[in-house]
Amino acid sequence: MTSNEPDPEPTPKKFSTKLVDIENFTGEVKDGYLDAGAGDWLKRLSIQIRLGEMVDGRTWPDPIKKMVVAAHLQGAASTWFMRRFDSLQSMTFDGLCTALRYNFRCPLDRLEINAALGSTT
C-alpha cells in the first residue's frame, strides 16, 4: 500500500551559534582606554561567526548573525540595542556592526587624542 501524502519536508539543520565563544560587549570604556573597543570586539565576533559558518558548511543569514550580536551585548551596549531595536532590526548585519562601532567610538577627535596622549604630531 502506498501513501498519497508527500514526503515531509526535511527539518533544516540548526546553525551552530552556541559555538560562538566571545566575551560580552558592554560598551563601557575601561580605565586607560580611549574607547569601548567596539571595533576590536566586532572583528573577534566576525571571526567566531565565520568559524561557525565553516562548521555548518553554509553562510549564516543576517538575522542569525544579528541575534548572535544581541546575545553578546550587556550593560550600556544592551540598553542601546534594546532602545533602538525597531530601527536596528531592518538593518543588515554589516549595518548593525557599523552602527555599533559608530555609537561606541572614541568621542575625541584626532587633535584631542594627540593632546591626551601628549603627542606633538
N, C-alpha and C. Protein backbone atom coordinates (compact mmCIF):
# COMPACT_ATOMS: atom_id res chain seq x y z
N MET A 1 0.84 -1.16 0.00
CA MET A 1 0.00 0.00 0.00
C MET A 1 0.90 1.24 0.00
N THR A 2 0.61 2.20 -0.87
CA THR A 2 1.40 3.42 -0.94
C THR A 2 0.58 4.59 -0.44
N SER A 3 1.26 5.54 0.10
CA SER A 3 0.59 6.72 0.62
C SER A 3 0.61 7.82 -0.44
N ASN A 4 -0.47 8.54 -0.53
CA ASN A 4 -0.54 9.66 -1.47
C ASN A 4 -0.02 10.96 -0.88
N GLU A 5 0.38 10.90 0.38
CA GLU A 5 0.88 12.11 1.04
C GLU A 5 2.32 12.35 0.62
N PRO A 6 2.67 13.62 0.41
CA PRO A 6 4.06 13.92 0.03
C PRO A 6 4.99 13.66 1.22
N ASP A 7 6.24 13.40 0.88
CA ASP A 7 7.23 13.23 1.94
C ASP A 7 7.32 14.52 2.74
N PRO A 8 7.47 14.39 4.06
CA PRO A 8 7.59 15.61 4.86
C PRO A 8 8.87 16.35 4.48
N GLU A 9 8.80 17.68 4.63
CA GLU A 9 9.99 18.49 4.37
C GLU A 9 11.06 18.12 5.38
N PRO A 10 12.31 18.02 4.93
CA PRO A 10 13.36 17.73 5.90
C PRO A 10 13.51 18.88 6.88
N THR A 11 13.76 18.55 8.12
CA THR A 11 13.96 19.57 9.13
C THR A 11 15.28 20.27 8.84
N PRO A 12 15.25 21.60 8.72
CA PRO A 12 16.50 22.29 8.42
C PRO A 12 17.48 22.15 9.58
N LYS A 13 18.74 21.99 9.22
CA LYS A 13 19.78 21.87 10.24
C LYS A 13 19.94 23.22 10.93
N LYS A 14 20.06 23.19 12.24
CA LYS A 14 20.22 24.42 13.00
C LYS A 14 21.60 25.01 12.77
N PHE A 15 21.72 26.27 13.09
CA PHE A 15 23.01 26.95 13.00
C PHE A 15 23.78 26.75 14.30
N SER A 16 25.09 26.64 14.20
CA SER A 16 25.94 26.36 15.35
C SER A 16 26.28 27.62 16.14
N THR A 17 25.28 28.40 16.48
CA THR A 17 25.53 29.67 17.17
C THR A 17 26.10 29.48 18.57
N LYS A 18 25.85 28.35 19.17
CA LYS A 18 26.36 28.11 20.53
C LYS A 18 27.88 27.94 20.54
N LEU A 19 28.47 27.74 19.36
CA LEU A 19 29.93 27.63 19.27
C LEU A 19 30.62 28.98 19.33
N VAL A 20 29.86 30.07 19.20
CA VAL A 20 30.45 31.41 19.27
C VAL A 20 30.90 31.65 20.71
N ASP A 21 32.21 31.79 20.86
CA ASP A 21 32.80 31.92 22.20
C ASP A 21 33.52 33.26 22.29
N ILE A 22 32.82 34.25 22.80
CA ILE A 22 33.38 35.59 22.91
C ILE A 22 32.79 36.25 24.14
N GLU A 23 33.58 37.13 24.75
CA GLU A 23 33.09 37.85 25.92
C GLU A 23 31.98 38.80 25.49
N ASN A 24 31.12 39.14 26.42
CA ASN A 24 30.05 40.10 26.12
C ASN A 24 30.64 41.49 25.94
N PHE A 25 30.02 42.27 25.08
CA PHE A 25 30.44 43.66 24.87
C PHE A 25 29.54 44.55 25.70
N THR A 26 30.14 45.38 26.56
CA THR A 26 29.36 46.23 27.45
C THR A 26 29.23 47.67 26.95
N GLY A 27 30.14 48.08 26.09
CA GLY A 27 30.12 49.46 25.62
C GLY A 27 30.78 50.42 26.59
N GLU A 28 31.33 49.91 27.67
CA GLU A 28 31.96 50.77 28.67
C GLU A 28 33.44 50.94 28.35
N VAL A 29 33.94 52.16 28.59
CA VAL A 29 35.35 52.47 28.36
C VAL A 29 36.12 52.13 29.63
N LYS A 30 37.08 51.21 29.49
CA LYS A 30 37.90 50.81 30.63
C LYS A 30 38.95 51.87 30.92
N ASP A 31 39.39 51.94 32.18
CA ASP A 31 40.44 52.88 32.56
C ASP A 31 41.66 52.70 31.67
N GLY A 32 42.20 53.81 31.20
CA GLY A 32 43.39 53.77 30.36
C GLY A 32 43.10 53.62 28.88
N TYR A 33 41.83 53.48 28.50
CA TYR A 33 41.45 53.33 27.10
C TYR A 33 40.68 54.56 26.63
N LEU A 34 40.72 54.81 25.33
CA LEU A 34 40.02 55.97 24.77
C LEU A 34 38.62 55.64 24.26
N ASP A 35 38.35 54.36 24.05
CA ASP A 35 37.00 53.97 23.61
C ASP A 35 36.64 52.61 24.18
N ALA A 36 35.44 52.15 23.85
CA ALA A 36 34.93 50.90 24.42
C ALA A 36 35.45 49.65 23.71
N GLY A 37 36.15 49.83 22.60
CA GLY A 37 36.71 48.68 21.89
C GLY A 37 35.72 47.95 21.00
N ALA A 38 34.71 48.66 20.50
CA ALA A 38 33.70 48.01 19.66
C ALA A 38 34.30 47.43 18.39
N GLY A 39 35.23 48.16 17.76
CA GLY A 39 35.84 47.68 16.53
C GLY A 39 36.58 46.37 16.72
N ASP A 40 37.39 46.30 17.77
CA ASP A 40 38.13 45.07 18.05
C ASP A 40 37.19 43.92 18.40
N TRP A 41 36.17 44.22 19.20
CA TRP A 41 35.21 43.18 19.58
C TRP A 41 34.47 42.65 18.36
N LEU A 42 34.08 43.54 17.47
CA LEU A 42 33.36 43.12 16.26
C LEU A 42 34.25 42.29 15.34
N LYS A 43 35.54 42.61 15.29
CA LYS A 43 36.47 41.78 14.49
C LYS A 43 36.54 40.36 15.05
N ARG A 44 36.66 40.26 16.38
CA ARG A 44 36.71 38.93 17.01
C ARG A 44 35.39 38.18 16.81
N LEU A 45 34.27 38.89 16.93
CA LEU A 45 32.97 38.27 16.73
C LEU A 45 32.81 37.78 15.29
N SER A 46 33.24 38.58 14.33
CA SER A 46 33.14 38.18 12.92
C SER A 46 33.93 36.91 12.65
N ILE A 47 35.09 36.79 13.27
CA ILE A 47 35.89 35.57 13.12
C ILE A 47 35.14 34.38 13.71
N GLN A 48 34.54 34.56 14.88
CA GLN A 48 33.77 33.49 15.51
C GLN A 48 32.59 33.07 14.62
N ILE A 49 31.93 34.04 14.02
CA ILE A 49 30.81 33.73 13.12
C ILE A 49 31.30 32.97 11.90
N ARG A 50 32.41 33.41 11.32
CA ARG A 50 32.95 32.72 10.14
C ARG A 50 33.35 31.29 10.48
N LEU A 51 33.90 31.09 11.69
CA LEU A 51 34.23 29.72 12.11
C LEU A 51 32.97 28.87 12.22
N GLY A 52 31.91 29.45 12.78
CA GLY A 52 30.63 28.74 12.87
C GLY A 52 30.08 28.39 11.49
N GLU A 53 30.24 29.31 10.55
CA GLU A 53 29.80 29.04 9.18
C GLU A 53 30.61 27.91 8.55
N MET A 54 31.90 27.87 8.88
CA MET A 54 32.74 26.78 8.37
C MET A 54 32.27 25.44 8.91
N VAL A 55 31.95 25.39 10.20
CA VAL A 55 31.46 24.16 10.82
C VAL A 55 30.15 23.73 10.15
N ASP A 56 29.26 24.69 9.91
CA ASP A 56 27.95 24.39 9.32
C ASP A 56 28.03 24.13 7.82
N GLY A 57 29.09 24.59 7.20
CA GLY A 57 29.22 24.42 5.75
C GLY A 57 28.28 25.31 4.96
N ARG A 58 27.85 26.40 5.56
CA ARG A 58 26.96 27.35 4.88
C ARG A 58 27.05 28.71 5.56
N THR A 59 26.69 29.72 4.82
CA THR A 59 26.69 31.09 5.35
C THR A 59 25.47 31.31 6.23
N TRP A 60 25.68 31.96 7.35
CA TRP A 60 24.56 32.29 8.22
C TRP A 60 23.84 33.52 7.67
N PRO A 61 22.51 33.51 7.68
CA PRO A 61 21.77 34.70 7.23
C PRO A 61 21.91 35.84 8.25
N ASP A 62 21.70 37.06 7.77
CA ASP A 62 21.85 38.23 8.63
C ASP A 62 21.03 38.16 9.93
N PRO A 63 19.77 37.70 9.91
CA PRO A 63 19.03 37.65 11.19
C PRO A 63 19.72 36.77 12.24
N ILE A 64 20.36 35.69 11.82
CA ILE A 64 21.08 34.83 12.77
C ILE A 64 22.29 35.57 13.31
N LYS A 65 23.04 36.23 12.43
CA LYS A 65 24.23 36.98 12.87
C LYS A 65 23.83 38.10 13.82
N LYS A 66 22.73 38.80 13.53
CA LYS A 66 22.28 39.89 14.40
C LYS A 66 21.83 39.34 15.75
N MET A 67 21.23 38.15 15.75
CA MET A 67 20.83 37.53 17.01
C MET A 67 22.07 37.21 17.86
N VAL A 68 23.15 36.76 17.21
CA VAL A 68 24.39 36.47 17.92
C VAL A 68 24.95 37.74 18.55
N VAL A 69 24.92 38.85 17.80
CA VAL A 69 25.37 40.13 18.36
C VAL A 69 24.54 40.47 19.60
N ALA A 70 23.22 40.45 19.46
CA ALA A 70 22.33 40.81 20.57
C ALA A 70 22.55 39.94 21.79
N ALA A 71 22.82 38.66 21.58
CA ALA A 71 23.02 37.73 22.69
C ALA A 71 24.32 37.99 23.45
N HIS A 72 25.23 38.76 22.84
CA HIS A 72 26.52 39.03 23.47
C HIS A 72 26.69 40.50 23.85
N LEU A 73 25.58 41.21 24.01
CA LEU A 73 25.63 42.59 24.49
C LEU A 73 25.19 42.63 25.94
N GLN A 74 25.78 43.54 26.67
CA GLN A 74 25.49 43.66 28.10
C GLN A 74 25.60 45.14 28.48
N GLY A 75 25.01 45.52 29.57
CA GLY A 75 25.16 46.88 30.09
C GLY A 75 24.69 47.94 29.11
N ALA A 76 25.52 48.98 28.93
CA ALA A 76 25.16 50.11 28.07
C ALA A 76 24.92 49.67 26.63
N ALA A 77 25.68 48.70 26.15
CA ALA A 77 25.51 48.22 24.77
C ALA A 77 24.16 47.52 24.60
N SER A 78 23.76 46.74 25.58
CA SER A 78 22.46 46.06 25.52
C SER A 78 21.33 47.08 25.57
N THR A 79 21.47 48.07 26.44
CA THR A 79 20.47 49.13 26.55
C THR A 79 20.34 49.87 25.22
N TRP A 80 21.49 50.21 24.61
CA TRP A 80 21.50 50.88 23.30
C TRP A 80 20.74 50.04 22.27
N PHE A 81 21.02 48.75 22.24
CA PHE A 81 20.38 47.86 21.27
C PHE A 81 18.87 47.79 21.50
N MET A 82 18.45 47.61 22.72
CA MET A 82 17.02 47.47 23.03
C MET A 82 16.25 48.75 22.70
N ARG A 83 16.84 49.90 23.02
CA ARG A 83 16.16 51.17 22.76
C ARG A 83 16.03 51.46 21.27
N ARG A 84 16.92 50.91 20.47
CA ARG A 84 16.90 51.17 19.03
C ARG A 84 16.49 49.95 18.21
N PHE A 85 15.92 48.97 18.87
CA PHE A 85 15.62 47.70 18.20
C PHE A 85 14.78 47.88 16.94
N ASP A 86 13.76 48.73 16.99
CA ASP A 86 12.88 48.89 15.83
C ASP A 86 13.64 49.33 14.59
N SER A 87 14.59 50.25 14.75
CA SER A 87 15.37 50.69 13.58
C SER A 87 16.49 49.72 13.26
N LEU A 88 17.07 49.09 14.26
CA LEU A 88 18.19 48.17 14.03
C LEU A 88 17.74 46.88 13.35
N GLN A 89 16.51 46.44 13.61
CA GLN A 89 16.07 45.15 13.05
C GLN A 89 15.97 45.19 11.53
N SER A 90 15.80 46.37 10.95
CA SER A 90 15.71 46.46 9.49
C SER A 90 17.08 46.58 8.83
N MET A 91 18.13 46.71 9.62
CA MET A 91 19.48 46.83 9.08
C MET A 91 20.05 45.47 8.71
N THR A 92 21.04 45.52 7.83
CA THR A 92 21.81 44.31 7.55
C THR A 92 22.75 44.07 8.73
N PHE A 93 23.39 42.92 8.75
CA PHE A 93 24.39 42.64 9.78
C PHE A 93 25.51 43.67 9.72
N ASP A 94 25.99 43.97 8.51
CA ASP A 94 27.05 44.97 8.36
C ASP A 94 26.59 46.34 8.84
N GLY A 95 25.34 46.68 8.56
CA GLY A 95 24.79 47.95 9.02
C GLY A 95 24.73 48.02 10.54
N LEU A 96 24.34 46.93 11.17
CA LEU A 96 24.30 46.87 12.63
C LEU A 96 25.71 47.05 13.19
N CYS A 97 26.69 46.37 12.59
CA CYS A 97 28.07 46.49 13.06
C CYS A 97 28.57 47.93 12.93
N THR A 98 28.24 48.58 11.82
CA THR A 98 28.63 49.97 11.61
C THR A 98 27.99 50.87 12.67
N ALA A 99 26.72 50.67 12.95
CA ALA A 99 26.01 51.47 13.96
C ALA A 99 26.61 51.25 15.35
N LEU A 100 26.92 50.01 15.68
CA LEU A 100 27.52 49.70 16.98
C LEU A 100 28.90 50.34 17.10
N ARG A 101 29.70 50.20 16.06
CA ARG A 101 31.05 50.78 16.05
C ARG A 101 30.97 52.30 16.18
N TYR A 102 30.03 52.92 15.45
CA TYR A 102 29.87 54.38 15.49
C TYR A 102 29.42 54.85 16.87
N ASN A 103 28.44 54.19 17.43
CA ASN A 103 27.90 54.62 18.72
C ASN A 103 28.91 54.50 19.85
N PHE A 104 29.77 53.49 19.79
CA PHE A 104 30.72 53.26 20.88
C PHE A 104 32.16 53.61 20.48
N ARG A 105 32.28 54.55 19.53
CA ARG A 105 33.59 55.02 19.08
C ARG A 105 34.17 55.97 20.13
N CYS A 106 35.43 56.34 19.93
CA CYS A 106 36.07 57.32 20.79
C CYS A 106 35.41 58.68 20.54
N PRO A 107 34.97 59.36 21.61
CA PRO A 107 34.29 60.64 21.43
C PRO A 107 35.26 61.79 21.11
N LEU A 108 36.56 61.54 21.20
CA LEU A 108 37.55 62.58 20.94
C LEU A 108 37.92 62.62 19.47
N ASP A 109 38.21 63.83 18.95
CA ASP A 109 38.73 63.90 17.59
C ASP A 109 40.25 63.69 17.63
N ARG A 110 40.89 63.65 16.46
CA ARG A 110 42.33 63.36 16.40
C ARG A 110 43.17 64.32 17.22
N LEU A 111 42.86 65.60 17.17
CA LEU A 111 43.64 66.58 17.92
C LEU A 111 43.52 66.34 19.42
N GLU A 112 42.32 66.03 19.86
CA GLU A 112 42.11 65.76 21.29
C GLU A 112 42.83 64.48 21.71
N ILE A 113 42.85 63.49 20.83
CA ILE A 113 43.57 62.25 21.14
C ILE A 113 45.06 62.52 21.24
N ASN A 114 45.60 63.28 20.28
CA ASN A 114 47.02 63.62 20.33
C ASN A 114 47.35 64.37 21.61
N ALA A 115 46.50 65.31 22.00
CA ALA A 115 46.73 66.07 23.23
C ALA A 115 46.65 65.15 24.44
N ALA A 116 45.68 64.24 24.44
CA ALA A 116 45.52 63.32 25.57
C ALA A 116 46.71 62.39 25.70
N LEU A 117 47.30 62.03 24.57
CA LEU A 117 48.46 61.13 24.59
C LEU A 117 49.77 61.88 24.73
N GLY A 118 49.71 63.22 24.69
CA GLY A 118 50.92 64.01 24.83
C GLY A 118 51.76 64.03 23.56
N SER A 119 51.13 63.77 22.42
CA SER A 119 51.84 63.73 21.14
C SER A 119 52.00 65.15 20.60
N THR A 120 53.08 65.38 19.86
CA THR A 120 53.31 66.69 19.26
C THR A 120 53.07 66.68 17.77
N THR A 121 52.60 65.55 17.23
CA THR A 121 52.37 65.49 15.78
C THR A 121 50.98 65.90 15.41
